[in-house]
C-alpha atoms as a PDB file:
ATOM      1  CA  MET A   1      22.333-164.009 -16.079  1.00  0.00           C
ATOM      2  CA  ALA A   2      20.198-163.243 -13.234  1.00  0.00           C
ATOM      3  CA  LEU A   3      17.421-165.288 -14.536  1.00  0.00           C
ATOM      4  CA  LEU A   4      19.644-168.317 -15.072  1.00  0.00           C
ATOM      5  CA  ALA A   5      20.899-168.064 -11.415  1.00  0.00           C
ATOM      6  CA  SER A   6      17.330-167.630 -10.042  1.00  0.00           C
ATOM      7  CA  SER A   7      16.241-170.653 -12.155  1.00  0.00           C
ATOM      8  CA  THR A   8      19.159-172.784 -11.072  1.00  0.00           C
ATOM      9  CA  LEU A   9      18.462-171.803  -7.284  1.00  0.00           C
ATOM     10  CA  ILE A  10      14.682-172.741  -7.582  1.00  0.00           C
ATOM     11  CA  ALA A  11      15.658-176.038  -9.293  1.00  0.00           C
ATOM     12  CA  ILE A  12      18.180-176.930  -6.496  1.00  0.00           C
ATOM     13  CA  THR A  13      15.489-176.017  -3.830  1.00  0.00           C
ATOM     14  CA  LEU A  14      12.904-178.233  -5.389  1.00  0.00           C
ATOM     15  CA  LEU A  15      15.409-181.052  -5.670  1.00  0.00           C
ATOM     16  CA  VAL A  16      15.964-180.846  -2.047  1.00  0.00           C
ATOM     17  CA  VAL A  17      12.463-180.030  -0.720  1.00  0.00           C
ATOM     18  CA  ILE A  18      10.364-182.411  -2.803  1.00  0.00           C
ATOM     19  CA  PRO A  19      12.175-185.691  -1.868  1.00  0.00           C
ATOM     20  CA  SER A  20      12.253-184.770   1.816  1.00  0.00           C
ATOM     21  CA  THR A  21       8.508-184.073   1.720  1.00  0.00           C
ATOM     22  CA  LEU A  22       7.953-187.421   0.053  1.00  0.00           C
ATOM     23  CA  ALA A  23      10.014-189.209   2.481  1.00  0.00           C
ATOM     24  CA  ASP A  24       8.088-187.533   5.323  1.00  0.00           C
ATOM     25  CA  ALA A  25       4.876-188.512   3.736  1.00  0.00           C
ATOM     26  CA  LYS A  26       6.208-192.107   3.398  1.00  0.00           C
ATOM     27  CA  PHE A  27       7.189-192.190   7.026  1.00  0.00           C
ATOM     28  CA  ILE A  28       3.637-191.041   8.197  1.00  0.00           C
ATOM     29  CA  SER A  29       2.168-193.644   5.812  1.00  0.00           C
ATOM     30  CA  GLU A  30       4.311-196.371   7.366  1.00  0.00           C
ATOM     31  CA  VAL A  31       3.530-195.365  10.900  1.00  0.00           C
ATOM     32  CA  CYS A  32      -0.212-195.611   9.953  1.00  0.00           C
ATOM     33  CA  ASP A  33      -0.028-198.972   8.301  1.00  0.00           C
ATOM     34  CA  GLY A  34      -1.066-200.757  11.424  1.00  0.00           C
ATOM     35  CA  ILE A  35      -4.071-198.501  12.116  1.00  0.00           C
ATOM     36  CA  SER A  36      -7.578-199.688  11.175  1.00  0.00           C
ATOM     37  CA  ASP A  37      -8.343-196.775   9.258  1.00  0.00           C
ATOM     38  CA  ARG A  38      -5.082-195.961   7.647  1.00  0.00           C
ATOM     39  CA  PRO A  39      -6.278-193.238   5.210  1.00  0.00           C
ATOM     40  CA  ASP A  40      -7.839-191.368   7.983  1.00  0.00           C
ATOM     41  CA  CYS A  41      -4.581-191.607  10.132  1.00  0.00           C
ATOM     42  CA  VAL A  42      -2.554-190.308   7.485  1.00  0.00           C
ATOM     43  CA  GLU A  43      -4.947-187.381   6.796  1.00  0.00           C
ATOM     44  CA  VAL A  44      -5.113-186.475  10.574  1.00  0.00           C
ATOM     45  CA  LEU A  45      -1.300-186.774  11.046  1.00  0.00           C
ATOM     46  CA  SER A  46      -0.776-184.784   8.036  1.00  0.00           C
ATOM     47  CA  SER A  47      -3.059-181.954   9.284  1.00  0.00           C
ATOM     48  CA  ASP A  48      -0.456-180.993  11.835  1.00  0.00           C
ATOM     49  CA  PRO A  49       2.562-179.315  10.140  1.00  0.00           C
ATOM     50  CA  ARG A  50       4.940-180.715  12.710  1.00  0.00           C
ATOM     51  CA  SER A  51       4.346-184.219  11.340  1.00  0.00           C
ATOM     52  CA  VAL A  52       6.378-183.606   8.243  1.00  0.00           C
ATOM     53  CA  ASN A  53       9.377-182.951  10.522  1.00  0.00           C
ATOM     54  CA  ALA A  54       8.844-186.050  12.784  1.00  0.00           C
ATOM     55  CA  THR A  55      11.481-188.616  12.465  1.00  0.00           C
ATOM     56  CA  THR A  56      10.332-191.231  15.089  1.00  0.00           C
ATOM     57  CA  ARG A  57       6.975-193.080  15.832  1.00  0.00           C
ATOM     58  CA  GLU A  58       6.986-191.405  19.296  1.00  0.00           C
ATOM     59  CA  GLU A  59       6.943-187.893  17.818  1.00  0.00           C
ATOM     60  CA  LEU A  60       3.905-188.758  15.674  1.00  0.00           C
ATOM     61  CA  GLN A  61       2.172-190.399  18.725  1.00  0.00           C
ATOM     62  CA  SER A  62       3.046-187.096  20.612  1.00  0.00           C
ATOM     63  CA  ILE A  63       1.527-185.049  17.637  1.00  0.00           C
ATOM     64  CA  SER A  64      -1.584-187.304  17.461  1.00  0.00           C
ATOM     65  CA  LEU A  65      -2.087-186.748  21.263  1.00  0.00           C
ATOM     66  CA  ASP A  66      -1.894-183.009  20.785  1.00  0.00           C
ATOM     67  CA  ILE A  67      -4.516-183.321  17.739  1.00  0.00           C
ATOM     68  CA  CYS A  68      -6.769-185.391  20.039  1.00  0.00           C
ATOM     69  CA  THR A  69      -6.490-182.751  22.891  1.00  0.00           C
ATOM     70  CA  ALA A  70      -7.228-180.022  20.352  1.00  0.00           C
ATOM     71  CA  ALA A  71     -10.383-181.895  19.352  1.00  0.00           C
ATOM     72  CA  ALA A  72     -11.546-182.045  22.987  1.00  0.00           C
ATOM     73  CA  ARG A  73     -10.953-178.374  23.450  1.00  0.00           C
ATOM     74  CA  GLU A  74     -12.736-177.659  20.030  1.00  0.00           C
ATOM     75  CA  GLY A  75     -15.704-179.758  21.063  1.00  0.00           C
ATOM     76  CA  GLU A  76     -16.206-177.770  24.351  1.00  0.00           C
ATOM     77  CA  LYS A  77     -15.945-174.572  22.397  1.00  0.00           C
ATOM     78  CA  THR A  78     -18.420-175.836  19.827  1.00  0.00           C
ATOM     79  CA  CYS A  79     -20.979-176.740  22.460  1.00  0.00           C
ATOM     80  CA  GLU A  80     -20.709-173.146  23.938  1.00  0.00           C
ATOM     81  CA  GLU A  81     -21.128-171.674  20.444  1.00  0.00           C
ATOM     82  CA  GLU A  82     -23.999-173.907  19.777  1.00  0.00           C
ATOM     83  CA  LYS A  83     -25.748-172.728  23.036  1.00  0.00           C
ATOM     84  CA  ALA A  84     -25.271-169.170  22.134  1.00  0.00           C
ATOM     85  CA  LYS A  85     -26.560-169.747  18.443  1.00  0.00           C
ATOM     86  CA  HIS A  86     -29.628-171.686  19.751  1.00  0.00           C
ATOM     87  CA  GLU A  87     -30.323-169.474  22.871  1.00  0.00           C
ATOM     88  CA  HIS A  88     -33.147-167.605  21.332  1.00  0.00           C
ATOM     89  CA  GLU A  89     -34.993-170.896  20.725  1.00  0.00           C
ATOM     90  CA  ARG A  90     -35.445-171.696  24.426  1.00  0.00           C
ATOM     91  CA  ASP A  91     -35.280-175.400  23.666  1.00  0.00           C
ATOM     92  CA  GLU A  92     -34.707-176.854  27.125  1.00  0.00           C
ATOM     93  CA  LYS A  93     -33.881-180.422  25.773  1.00  0.00           C
ATOM     94  CA  LEU A  94     -31.179-178.880  23.434  1.00  0.00           C
ATOM     95  CA  GLY A  95     -29.753-176.735  26.290  1.00  0.00           C
ATOM     96  CA  LEU A  96     -29.465-179.718  28.531  1.00  0.00           C
ATOM     97  CA  ALA A  97     -27.856-181.900  25.871  1.00  0.00           C
ATOM     98  CA  LEU A  98     -25.319-179.172  25.198  1.00  0.00           C
ATOM     99  CA  ASN A  99     -24.650-178.674  28.787  1.00  0.00           C
ATOM    100  CA  MET A 100     -23.803-182.352  29.202  1.00  0.00           C
ATOM    101  CA  CYS A 101     -21.658-182.377  26.114  1.00  0.00           C
ATOM    102  CA  SER A 102     -19.824-179.208  27.236  1.00  0.00           C
ATOM    103  CA  SER A 103     -19.107-180.944  30.535  1.00  0.00           C
ATOM    104  CA  GLU A 104     -18.047-184.165  28.832  1.00  0.00           C
ATOM    105  CA  TYR A 105     -15.683-182.451  26.473  1.00  0.00           C
ATOM    106  CA  ASN A 106     -14.181-180.245  29.360  1.00  0.00           C
ATOM    107  CA  GLN A 107     -13.516-183.494  31.351  1.00  0.00           C
ATOM    108  CA  ALA A 108     -12.061-185.186  28.201  1.00  0.00           C
ATOM    109  CA  GLY A 109      -9.627-182.253  27.893  1.00  0.00           C
ATOM    110  CA  HIS A 110      -8.368-182.641  31.397  1.00  0.00           C
ATOM    111  CA  THR A 111      -8.116-186.530  30.948  1.00  0.00           C
ATOM    112  CA  LEU A 112      -5.891-185.847  27.924  1.00  0.00           C
ATOM    113  CA  GLU A 113      -3.723-183.473  29.771  1.00  0.00           C
ATOM    114  CA  ASN A 114      -3.189-186.294  32.186  1.00  0.00           C
ATOM    115  CA  ALA A 115      -2.612-188.722  29.345  1.00  0.00           C
ATOM    116  CA  ARG A 116       0.059-186.237  28.025  1.00  0.00           C
ATOM    117  CA  THR A 117       1.883-186.468  31.506  1.00  0.00           C
ATOM    118  CA  ASP A 118       1.760-190.204  31.361  1.00  0.00           C
ATOM    119  CA  PHE A 119       3.000-190.297  27.799  1.00  0.00           C
ATOM    120  CA  GLY A 120       6.054-187.971  28.747  1.00  0.00           C
ATOM    121  CA  ASN A 121       6.695-190.441  31.539  1.00  0.00           C
ATOM    122  CA  HIS A 122       6.737-193.377  29.019  1.00  0.00           C
ATOM    123  CA  ALA A 123       3.650-194.821  30.896  1.00  0.00           C
ATOM    124  CA  TYR A 124       2.083-195.641  27.370  1.00  0.00           C
ATOM    125  CA  ASN A 125      -0.521-198.136  28.661  1.00  0.00           C
ATOM    126  CA  GLU A 126      -1.894-195.618  31.118  1.00  0.00           C
ATOM    127  CA  ALA A 127      -1.910-192.913  28.609  1.00  0.00           C
ATOM    128  CA  ALA A 128      -3.730-195.196  26.048  1.00  0.00           C
ATOM    129  CA  ARG A 129      -6.295-195.942  28.828  1.00  0.00           C
ATOM    130  CA  LYS A 130      -6.888-192.281  29.454  1.00  0.00           C
ATOM    131  CA  ILE A 131      -7.272-191.558  25.688  1.00  0.00           C
ATOM    132  CA  GLY A 132      -9.775-194.342  25.496  1.00  0.00           C
ATOM    133  CA  GLU A 133     -11.658-192.701  28.478  1.00  0.00           C
ATOM    134  CA  ALA A 134     -11.529-189.313  26.921  1.00  0.00           C
ATOM    135  CA  SER A 135     -12.984-190.793  23.596  1.00  0.00           C
ATOM    136  CA  LEU A 136     -16.148-191.621  25.607  1.00  0.00           C
ATOM    137  CA  ALA A 137     -16.944-187.750  25.540  1.00  0.00           C
ATOM    138  CA  ALA A 138     -18.097-188.273  21.941  1.00  0.00           C
ATOM    139  CA  ASP A 139     -20.313-191.388  22.762  1.00  0.00           C
ATOM    140  CA  ASN A 140     -21.802-189.594  25.907  1.00  0.00           C
ATOM    141  CA  CYS A 141     -22.501-186.494  24.020  1.00  0.00           C
ATOM    142  CA  GLU A 142     -24.286-188.507  21.394  1.00  0.00           C
ATOM    143  CA  LYS A 143     -26.397-190.172  24.221  1.00  0.00           C
ATOM    144  CA  ALA A 144     -27.161-186.825  25.745  1.00  0.00           C
ATOM    145  CA  PHE A 145     -28.877-185.743  22.502  1.00  0.00           C
ATOM    146  CA  TYR A 146     -30.689-189.216  22.101  1.00  0.00           C
ATOM    147  CA  ASN A 147     -31.828-189.165  25.739  1.00  0.00           C
ATOM    148  CA  GLN A 148     -33.121-185.688  25.587  1.00  0.00           C
ATOM    149  CA  GLY A 149     -34.769-186.184  22.179  1.00  0.00           C
ATOM    150  CA  ALA A 150     -33.012-183.043  21.010  1.00  0.00           C
ATOM    151  CA  ASN A 151     -31.634-182.381  17.485  1.00  0.00           C
ATOM    152  CA  ASN A 152     -27.926-183.462  17.510  1.00  0.00           C
ATOM    153  CA  VAL A 153     -25.987-180.427  16.579  1.00  0.00           C
ATOM    154  CA  MET A 154     -22.749-181.994  17.778  1.00  0.00           C
ATOM    155  CA  LYS A 155     -22.794-185.050  15.393  1.00  0.00           C
ATOM    156  CA  GLN A 156     -19.897-183.970  13.158  1.00  0.00           C
ATOM    157  CA  MET A 157     -17.794-182.826  16.206  1.00  0.00           C
ATOM    158  CA  ASN A 158     -18.485-185.969  17.991  1.00  0.00           C
ATOM    159  CA  LYS A 159     -17.284-188.109  15.012  1.00  0.00           C
ATOM    160  CA  LYS A 160     -14.116-185.903  14.720  1.00  0.00           C
ATOM    161  CA  MET A 161     -13.366-186.287  18.506  1.00  0.00           C
ATOM    162  CA  TYR A 162     -13.938-190.172  18.417  1.00  0.00           C
ATOM    163  CA  ASP A 163     -11.861-190.529  15.169  1.00  0.00           C
ATOM    164  CA  ARG A 164      -9.003-188.558  16.446  1.00  0.00           C
ATOM    165  CA  CYS A 165      -8.930-190.321  19.868  1.00  0.00           C
ATOM    166  CA  ASP A 166      -9.109-193.760  18.229  1.00  0.00           C
ATOM    167  CA  ILE A 167      -6.237-192.959  15.864  1.00  0.00           C
ATOM    168  CA  CYS A 168      -4.230-191.682  18.942  1.00  0.00           C
ATOM    169  CA  TRP A 169      -5.177-194.736  21.015  1.00  0.00           C
ATOM    170  CA  GLN A 170      -4.109-197.168  18.331  1.00  0.00           C
ATOM    171  CA  LEU A 171      -0.783-195.348  17.545  1.00  0.00           C
ATOM    172  CA  ILE A 172       0.196-195.426  21.325  1.00  0.00           C
ATOM    173  CA  PHE A 173      -1.240-198.784  22.296  1.00  0.00           C
END
């Protein structure tokens, strides 16, 4: 009897949870329809557990802005970790490139915080402009390595930052 009751409870739970999860995935997919890299948009938004509870485009835009801001903070942290990891090499060019990147990512984080304020005030064009500005951290970091002739240890992080900012910009603009 207890087994039957447990099985029934599990079945009811699955009947309620699975359709709502599918509906949430469908909503995320619909919002990402206008994005140039739709599969990446779906993947990025789905990486944040709050996305499955989003019911409006504005909520997903806000989550995307948080994801973009987190990438900027992660970029700055990654620069510091790379500096520590390569400190013993005493590679001046690498150190200079990482210092430039760290500064770029730090500034991007502040710019995205300002974009958050604009977004909250429904100044979407201004928020999108600042998101575009913040995305330049990835480009400028790439250029720092190129200009220094140093091994680019930030390539993956720069791509991640650029992709997240691009998705966020497209969702908001």
